[in-house]
Amino acid sequence: MKAKIIITPKKAVVDPQGITVLKALEHMGHTGIKAVHVGKFLEIELDGTDKEAARQALDSACHKFLSNPLIEDYKLEIE
């Protein structure tokens, strides 16, 4: 099994990296970009076949360690 986790800043949190990337894109002539959010992507390979157990364990890891739930959201997918 493989887990994919995408961690992004919450919409209400100022994202200085995203703002910097947005300004750089505009400076390079790219138009029509409303916002940029810079986050993290993790791909984790798992042993076993119990997707629900893996989801529960990784959800706990995301909440306690991989993300900061005060300022970040995460999306977890298991294939």
PDB file of N, CA and C in Angstrom:
ATOM      1  N   MET A   1       0.841  -1.180   0.000  1.00  0.00           N
ATOM      2  CA  MET A   1       0.000   0.000   0.000  1.00  0.00           C
ATOM      3  C   MET A   1       0.883   1.239   0.000  1.00  0.00           C
ATOM      4  N   LYS A   2       0.307   2.309  -0.484  1.00  0.00           N
ATOM      5  CA  LYS A   2       1.008   3.582  -0.515  1.00  0.00           C
ATOM      6  C   LYS A   2       0.067   4.664   0.004  1.00  0.00           C
ATOM      7  N   ALA A   3       0.591   5.509   0.872  1.00  0.00           N
ATOM      8  CA  ALA A   3      -0.177   6.643   1.387  1.00  0.00           C
ATOM      9  C   ALA A   3       0.391   7.925   0.800  1.00  0.00           C
ATOM     10  N   LYS A   4      -0.513   8.831   0.439  1.00  0.00           N
ATOM     11  CA  LYS A   4      -0.113  10.141  -0.036  1.00  0.00           C
ATOM     12  C   LYS A   4      -0.739  11.182   0.878  1.00  0.00           C
ATOM     13  N   ILE A   5       0.097  12.082   1.380  1.00  0.00           N
ATOM     14  CA  ILE A   5      -0.351  13.101   2.320  1.00  0.00           C
ATOM     15  C   ILE A   5       0.036  14.472   1.774  1.00  0.00           C
ATOM     16  N   ILE A   6      -0.941  15.343   1.675  1.00  0.00           N
ATOM     17  CA  ILE A   6      -0.699  16.713   1.235  1.00  0.00           C
ATOM     18  C   ILE A   6      -1.029  17.631   2.410  1.00  0.00           C
ATOM     19  N   ILE A   7      -0.053  18.437   2.814  1.00  0.00           N
ATOM     20  CA  ILE A   7      -0.207  19.350   3.947  1.00  0.00           C
ATOM     21  C   ILE A   7      -0.103  20.776   3.404  1.00  0.00           C
ATOM     22  N   THR A   8      -1.116  21.585   3.685  1.00  0.00           N
ATOM     23  CA  THR A   8      -1.136  22.972   3.210  1.00  0.00           C
ATOM     24  C   THR A   8      -1.518  23.907   4.350  1.00  0.00           C
ATOM     25  N   PRO A   9      -1.124  25.163   4.244  1.00  0.00           N
ATOM     26  CA  PRO A   9      -1.547  26.130   5.261  1.00  0.00           C
ATOM     27  C   PRO A   9      -3.067  26.305   5.208  1.00  0.00           C
ATOM     28  N   LYS A  10      -3.666  26.526   6.365  1.00  0.00           N
ATOM     29  CA  LYS A  10      -5.099  26.824   6.387  1.00  0.00           C
ATOM     30  C   LYS A  10      -5.340  28.119   5.632  1.00  0.00           C
ATOM     31  N   LYS A  11      -6.530  28.252   5.068  1.00  0.00           N
ATOM     32  CA  LYS A  11      -6.852  29.422   4.245  1.00  0.00           C
ATOM     33  C   LYS A  11      -6.725  30.734   5.029  1.00  0.00           C
ATOM     34  N   ALA A  12      -6.989  30.704   6.328  1.00  0.00           N
ATOM     35  CA  ALA A  12      -6.947  31.922   7.130  1.00  0.00           C
ATOM     36  C   ALA A  12      -5.530  32.299   7.567  1.00  0.00           C
ATOM     37  N   VAL A  13      -4.548  31.443   7.300  1.00  0.00           N
ATOM     38  CA  VAL A  13      -3.177  31.678   7.740  1.00  0.00           C
ATOM     39  C   VAL A  13      -2.393  32.351   6.611  1.00  0.00           C
ATOM     40  N   VAL A  14      -1.633  33.381   6.952  1.00  0.00           N
ATOM     41  CA  VAL A  14      -0.782  34.046   5.970  1.00  0.00           C
ATOM     42  C   VAL A  14       0.316  33.067   5.553  1.00  0.00           C
ATOM     43  N   ASP A  15       0.505  32.930   4.245  1.00  0.00           N
ATOM     44  CA  ASP A  15       1.490  32.002   3.686  1.00  0.00           C
ATOM     45  C   ASP A  15       2.587  32.808   2.996  1.00  0.00           C
ATOM     46  N   PRO A  16       3.666  33.192   3.718  1.00  0.00           N
ATOM     47  CA  PRO A  16       4.697  34.037   3.116  1.00  0.00           C
ATOM     48  C   PRO A  16       5.382  33.379   1.918  1.00  0.00           C
ATOM     49  N   GLN A  17       5.563  32.062   1.954  1.00  0.00           N
ATOM     50  CA  GLN A  17       6.172  31.386   0.805  1.00  0.00           C
ATOM     51  C   GLN A  17       5.252  31.469  -0.408  1.00  0.00           C
ATOM     52  N   GLY A  18       3.975  31.268  -0.191  1.00  0.00           N
ATOM     53  CA  GLY A  18       3.019  31.360  -1.278  1.00  0.00           C
ATOM     54  C   GLY A  18       2.978  32.749  -1.883  1.00  0.00           C
ATOM     55  N   ILE A  19       3.029  33.764  -1.045  1.00  0.00           N
ATOM     56  CA  ILE A  19       3.026  35.149  -1.517  1.00  0.00           C
ATOM     57  C   ILE A  19       4.279  35.430  -2.343  1.00  0.00           C
ATOM     58  N   THR A  20       5.430  34.934  -1.878  1.00  0.00           N
ATOM     59  CA  THR A  20       6.683  35.122  -2.612  1.00  0.00           C
ATOM     60  C   THR A  20       6.624  34.456  -3.977  1.00  0.00           C
ATOM     61  N   VAL A  21       6.116  33.231  -4.039  1.00  0.00           N
ATOM     62  CA  VAL A  21       6.000  32.528  -5.315  1.00  0.00           C
ATOM     63  C   VAL A  21       5.029  33.264  -6.243  1.00  0.00           C
ATOM     64  N   LEU A  22       3.909  33.718  -5.702  1.00  0.00           N
ATOM     65  CA  LEU A  22       2.935  34.459  -6.501  1.00  0.00           C
ATOM     66  C   LEU A  22       3.564  35.713  -7.108  1.00  0.00           C
ATOM     67  N   LYS A  23       4.286  36.474  -6.293  1.00  0.00           N
ATOM     68  CA  LYS A  23       4.928  37.692  -6.796  1.00  0.00           C
ATOM     69  C   LYS A  23       5.980  37.372  -7.856  1.00  0.00           C
ATOM     70  N   ALA A  24       6.738  36.294  -7.655  1.00  0.00           N
ATOM     71  CA  ALA A  24       7.747  35.895  -8.647  1.00  0.00           C
ATOM     72  C   ALA A  24       7.087  35.499  -9.963  1.00  0.00           C
ATOM     73  N   LEU A  25       5.996  34.765  -9.895  1.00  0.00           N
ATOM     74  CA  LEU A  25       5.282  34.383 -11.111  1.00  0.00           C
ATOM     75  C   LEU A  25       4.750  35.606 -11.852  1.00  0.00           C
ATOM     76  N   GLU A  26       4.186  36.553 -11.103  1.00  0.00           N
ATOM     77  CA  GLU A  26       3.689  37.786 -11.715  1.00  0.00           C
ATOM     78  C   GLU A  26       4.835  38.565 -12.368  1.00  0.00           C
ATOM     79  N   HIS A  27       5.973  38.621 -11.666  1.00  0.00           N
ATOM     80  CA  HIS A  27       7.150  39.327 -12.184  1.00  0.00           C
ATOM     81  C   HIS A  27       7.643  38.679 -13.482  1.00  0.00           C
ATOM     82  N   MET A  28       7.475  37.380 -13.606  1.00  0.00           N
ATOM     83  CA  MET A  28       7.900  36.645 -14.798  1.00  0.00           C
ATOM     84  C   MET A  28       6.871  36.734 -15.927  1.00  0.00           C
ATOM     85  N   GLY A  29       5.782  37.453 -15.682  1.00  0.00           N
ATOM     86  CA  GLY A  29       4.800  37.664 -16.726  1.00  0.00           C
ATOM     87  C   GLY A  29       3.607  36.728 -16.704  1.00  0.00           C
ATOM     88  N   HIS A  30       3.520  35.861 -15.714  1.00  0.00           N
ATOM     89  CA  HIS A  30       2.377  34.963 -15.605  1.00  0.00           C
ATOM     90  C   HIS A  30       1.206  35.724 -14.985  1.00  0.00           C
ATOM     91  N   THR A  31       0.085  35.734 -15.668  1.00  0.00           N
ATOM     92  CA  THR A  31      -1.069  36.480 -15.184  1.00  0.00           C
ATOM     93  C   THR A  31      -2.218  35.518 -14.891  1.00  0.00           C
ATOM     94  N   GLY A  32      -3.208  36.031 -14.193  1.00  0.00           N
ATOM     95  CA  GLY A  32      -4.404  35.252 -13.911  1.00  0.00           C
ATOM     96  C   GLY A  32      -4.270  34.300 -12.742  1.00  0.00           C
ATOM     97  N   ILE A  33      -3.201  34.392 -11.993  1.00  0.00           N
ATOM     98  CA  ILE A  33      -3.009  33.528 -10.823  1.00  0.00           C
ATOM     99  C   ILE A  33      -3.547  34.268  -9.612  1.00  0.00           C
ATOM    100  N   LYS A  34      -4.549  33.702  -8.985  1.00  0.00           N
ATOM    101  CA  LYS A  34      -5.217  34.361  -7.858  1.00  0.00           C
ATOM    102  C   LYS A  34      -4.448  34.189  -6.544  1.00  0.00           C
ATOM    103  N   ALA A  35      -3.951  32.974  -6.293  1.00  0.00           N
ATOM    104  CA  ALA A  35      -3.244  32.705  -5.040  1.00  0.00           C
ATOM    105  C   ALA A  35      -2.343  31.491  -5.211  1.00  0.00           C
ATOM    106  N   VAL A  36      -1.316  31.420  -4.394  1.00  0.00           N
ATOM    107  CA  VAL A  36      -0.409  30.276  -4.357  1.00  0.00           C
ATOM    108  C   VAL A  36      -0.287  29.842  -2.902  1.00  0.00           C
ATOM    109  N   HIS A  37      -0.376  28.547  -2.672  1.00  0.00           N
ATOM    110  CA  HIS A  37      -0.208  27.996  -1.328  1.00  0.00           C
ATOM    111  C   HIS A  37       0.907  26.955  -1.389  1.00  0.00           C
ATOM    112  N   VAL A  38       1.951  27.166  -0.614  1.00  0.00           N
ATOM    113  CA  VAL A  38       3.085  26.253  -0.586  1.00  0.00           C
ATOM    114  C   VAL A  38       2.899  25.306   0.590  1.00  0.00           C
ATOM    115  N   GLY A  39       3.027  24.010   0.322  1.00  0.00           N
ATOM    116  CA  GLY A  39       2.843  23.016   1.372  1.00  0.00           C
ATOM    117  C   GLY A  39       3.866  21.905   1.270  1.00  0.00           C
ATOM    118  N   LYS A  40       3.501  20.757   1.818  1.00  0.00           N
ATOM    119  CA  LYS A  40       4.380  19.586   1.826  1.00  0.00           C
ATOM    120  C   LYS A  40       3.630  18.408   1.222  1.00  0.00           C
ATOM    121  N   PHE A  41       4.362  17.526   0.553  1.00  0.00           N
ATOM    122  CA  PHE A  41       3.803  16.296   0.009  1.00  0.00           C
ATOM    123  C   PHE A  41       4.636  15.146   0.524  1.00  0.00           C
ATOM    124  N   LEU A  42       3.981  14.162   1.135  1.00  0.00           N
ATOM    125  CA  LEU A  42       4.666  12.977   1.623  1.00  0.00           C
ATOM    126  C   LEU A  42       4.065  11.752   0.949  1.00  0.00           C
ATOM    127  N   GLU A  43       4.918  10.826   0.535  1.00  0.00           N
ATOM    128  CA  GLU A  43       4.477   9.558  -0.009  1.00  0.00           C
ATOM    129  C   GLU A  43       5.103   8.480   0.874  1.00  0.00           C
ATOM    130  N   ILE A  44       4.259   7.671   1.480  1.00  0.00           N
ATOM    131  CA  ILE A  44       4.716   6.683   2.455  1.00  0.00           C
ATOM    132  C   ILE A  44       4.310   5.299   1.975  1.00  0.00           C
ATOM    133  N   GLU A  45       5.277   4.396   1.875  1.00  0.00           N
ATOM    134  CA  GLU A  45       4.988   3.014   1.493  1.00  0.00           C
ATOM    135  C   GLU A  45       4.728   2.203   2.756  1.00  0.00           C
ATOM    136  N   LEU A  46       3.666   1.407   2.716  1.00  0.00           N
ATOM    137  CA  LEU A  46       3.207   0.677   3.890  1.00  0.00           C
ATOM    138  C   LEU A  46       3.214  -0.831   3.660  1.00  0.00           C
ATOM    139  N   ASP A  47       3.465  -1.580   4.716  1.00  0.00           N
ATOM    140  CA  ASP A  47       3.278  -3.029   4.699  1.00  0.00           C
ATOM    141  C   ASP A  47       1.830  -3.317   5.070  1.00  0.00           C
ATOM    142  N   GLY A  48       1.352  -4.494   4.716  1.00  0.00           N
ATOM    143  CA  GLY A  48       0.026  -4.909   5.144  1.00  0.00           C
ATOM    144  C   GLY A  48      -1.034  -4.606   4.103  1.00  0.00           C
ATOM    145  N   THR A  49      -2.260  -5.008   4.447  1.00  0.00           N
ATOM    146  CA  THR A  49      -3.381  -4.837   3.515  1.00  0.00           C
ATOM    147  C   THR A  49      -4.596  -4.181   4.157  1.00  0.00           C
ATOM    148  N   ASP A  50      -4.530  -3.892   5.446  1.00  0.00           N
ATOM    149  CA  ASP A  50      -5.674  -3.305   6.148  1.00  0.00           C
ATOM    150  C   ASP A  50      -5.662  -1.785   5.973  1.00  0.00           C
ATOM    151  N   LYS A  51      -6.408  -1.304   4.985  1.00  0.00           N
ATOM    152  CA  LYS A  51      -6.415   0.129   4.686  1.00  0.00           C
ATOM    153  C   LYS A  51      -6.979   0.963   5.830  1.00  0.00           C
ATOM    154  N   GLU A  52      -8.007   0.450   6.492  1.00  0.00           N
ATOM    155  CA  GLU A  52      -8.622   1.231   7.576  1.00  0.00           C
ATOM    156  C   GLU A  52      -7.668   1.398   8.757  1.00  0.00           C
ATOM    157  N   ALA A  53      -6.934   0.343   9.112  1.00  0.00           N
ATOM    158  CA  ALA A  53      -5.956   0.439  10.205  1.00  0.00           C
ATOM    159  C   ALA A  53      -4.838   1.408   9.819  1.00  0.00           C
ATOM    160  N   ALA A  54      -4.393   1.325   8.565  1.00  0.00           N
ATOM    161  CA  ALA A  54      -3.346   2.227   8.089  1.00  0.00           C
ATOM    162  C   ALA A  54      -3.850   3.667   8.108  1.00  0.00           C
ATOM    163  N   ARG A  55      -5.093   3.879   7.684  1.00  0.00           N
ATOM    164  CA  ARG A  55      -5.666   5.227   7.672  1.00  0.00           C
ATOM    165  C   ARG A  55      -5.715   5.799   9.093  1.00  0.00           C
ATOM    166  N   GLN A  56      -6.152   5.002  10.047  1.00  0.00           N
ATOM    167  CA  GLN A  56      -6.244   5.476  11.431  1.00  0.00           C
ATOM    168  C   GLN A  56      -4.871   5.827  11.987  1.00  0.00           C
ATOM    169  N   ALA A  57      -3.880   4.958  11.721  1.00  0.00           N
ATOM    170  CA  ALA A  57      -2.528   5.199  12.231  1.00  0.00           C
ATOM    171  C   ALA A  57      -1.922   6.452  11.599  1.00  0.00           C
ATOM    172  N   LEU A  58      -2.083   6.601  10.291  1.00  0.00           N
ATOM    173  CA  LEU A  58      -1.510   7.772   9.623  1.00  0.00           C
ATOM    174  C   LEU A  58      -2.265   9.052   9.942  1.00  0.00           C
ATOM    175  N   ASP A  59      -3.565   8.944  10.138  1.00  0.00           N
ATOM    176  CA  ASP A  59      -4.336  10.113  10.537  1.00  0.00           C
ATOM    177  C   ASP A  59      -3.831  10.630  11.887  1.00  0.00           C
ATOM    178  N   SER A  60      -3.555   9.716  12.782  1.00  0.00           N
ATOM    179  CA  SER A  60      -3.009  10.103  14.089  1.00  0.00           C
ATOM    180  C   SER A  60      -1.626  10.733  13.925  1.00  0.00           C
ATOM    181  N   ALA A  61      -0.788  10.140  13.075  1.00  0.00           N
ATOM    182  CA  ALA A  61       0.557  10.686  12.846  1.00  0.00           C
ATOM    183  C   ALA A  61       0.482  12.076  12.221  1.00  0.00           C
ATOM    184  N   CYS A  62      -0.449  12.260  11.290  1.00  0.00           N
ATOM    185  CA  CYS A  62      -0.611  13.578  10.663  1.00  0.00           C
ATOM    186  C   CYS A  62      -1.016  14.616  11.696  1.00  0.00           C
ATOM    187  N   HIS A  63      -1.952  14.247  12.539  1.00  0.00           N
ATOM    188  CA  HIS A  63      -2.471  15.196  13.528  1.00  0.00           C
ATOM    189  C   HIS A  63      -1.455  15.514  14.620  1.00  0.00           C
ATOM    190  N   LYS A  64      -0.667  14.507  15.023  1.00  0.00           N
ATOM    191  CA  LYS A  64       0.246  14.697  16.150  1.00  0.00           C
ATOM    192  C   LYS A  64       1.653  15.134  15.752  1.00  0.00           C
ATOM    193  N   PHE A  65       2.098  14.771  14.514  1.00  0.00           N
ATOM    194  CA  PHE A  65       3.508  14.955  14.192  1.00  0.00           C
ATOM    195  C   PHE A  65       3.767  15.589  12.824  1.00  0.00           C
ATOM    196  N   LEU A  66       3.104  15.107  11.791  1.00  0.00           N
ATOM    197  CA  LEU A  66       3.436  15.525  10.431  1.00  0.00           C
ATOM    198  C   LEU A  66       2.914  16.925  10.090  1.00  0.00           C
ATOM    199  N   SER A  67       1.830  17.335  10.718  1.00  0.00           N
ATOM    200  CA  SER A  67       1.282  18.668  10.458  1.00  0.00           C
ATOM    201  C   SER A  67       1.076  19.405  11.770  1.00  0.00           C
ATOM    202  N   ASN A  68       0.897  20.696  11.654  1.00  0.00           N
ATOM    203  CA  ASN A  68       0.536  21.508  12.808  1.00  0.00           C
ATOM    204  C   ASN A  68      -0.943  21.853  12.653  1.00  0.00           C
ATOM    205  N   PRO A  69      -1.828  21.165  13.384  1.00  0.00           N
ATOM    206  CA  PRO A  69      -3.266  21.355  13.175  1.00  0.00           C
ATOM    207  C   PRO A  69      -3.769  22.767  13.467  1.00  0.00           C
ATOM    208  N   LEU A  70      -2.980  23.588  14.124  1.00  0.00           N
ATOM    209  CA  LEU A  70      -3.399  24.969  14.373  1.00  0.00           C
ATOM    210  C   LEU A  70      -3.326  25.824  13.110  1.00  0.00           C
ATOM    211  N   ILE A  71      -2.351  25.531  12.247  1.00  0.00           N
ATOM    212  CA  ILE A  71      -2.157  26.378  11.067  1.00  0.00           C
ATOM    213  C   ILE A  71      -2.166  25.614   9.745  1.00  0.00           C
ATOM    214  N   GLU A  72      -2.265  24.274   9.807  1.00  0.00           N
ATOM    215  CA  GLU A  72      -2.209  23.481   8.580  1.00  0.00           C
ATOM    216  C   GLU A  72      -3.377  22.505   8.485  1.00  0.00           C
ATOM    217  N   ASP A  73      -3.791  22.253   7.249  1.00  0.00           N
ATOM    218  CA  ASP A  73      -4.748  21.191   6.941  1.00  0.00           C
ATOM    219  C   ASP A  73      -3.991  20.081   6.228  1.00  0.00           C
ATOM    220  N   TYR A  74      -4.543  18.877   6.268  1.00  0.00           N
ATOM    221  CA  TYR A  74      -3.916  17.795   5.513  1.00  0.00           C
ATOM    222  C   TYR A  74      -4.982  16.937   4.862  1.00  0.00           C
ATOM    223  N   LYS A  75      -4.562  16.324   3.769  1.00  0.00           N
ATOM    224  CA  LYS A  75      -5.410  15.398   3.023  1.00  0.00           C
ATOM    225  C   LYS A  75      -4.656  14.086   2.926  1.00  0.00           C
ATOM    226  N   LEU A  76      -5.292  13.000   3.309  1.00  0.00           N
ATOM    227  CA  LEU A  76      -4.668  11.687   3.343  1.00  0.00           C
ATOM    228  C   LEU A  76      -5.376  10.760   2.376  1.00  0.00           C
ATOM    229  N   GLU A  77      -4.604  10.131   1.486  1.00  0.00           N
ATOM    230  CA  GLU A  77      -5.141   9.136   0.570  1.00  0.00           C
ATOM    231  C   GLU A  77      -4.309   7.866   0.690  1.00  0.00           C
ATOM    232  N   ILE A  78      -4.983   6.731   0.658  1.00  0.00           N
ATOM    233  CA  ILE A  78      -4.282   5.453   0.697  1.00  0.00           C
ATOM    234  C   ILE A  78      -4.677   4.659  -0.533  1.00  0.00           C
ATOM    235  N   GLU A  79      -3.673   4.192  -1.266  1.00  0.00           N
ATOM    236  CA  GLU A  79      -3.907   3.399  -2.475  1.00  0.00           C
ATOM    237  C   GLU A  79      -3.557   1.944  -2.217  1.00  0.00           C
TER     238      GLU A  79
END
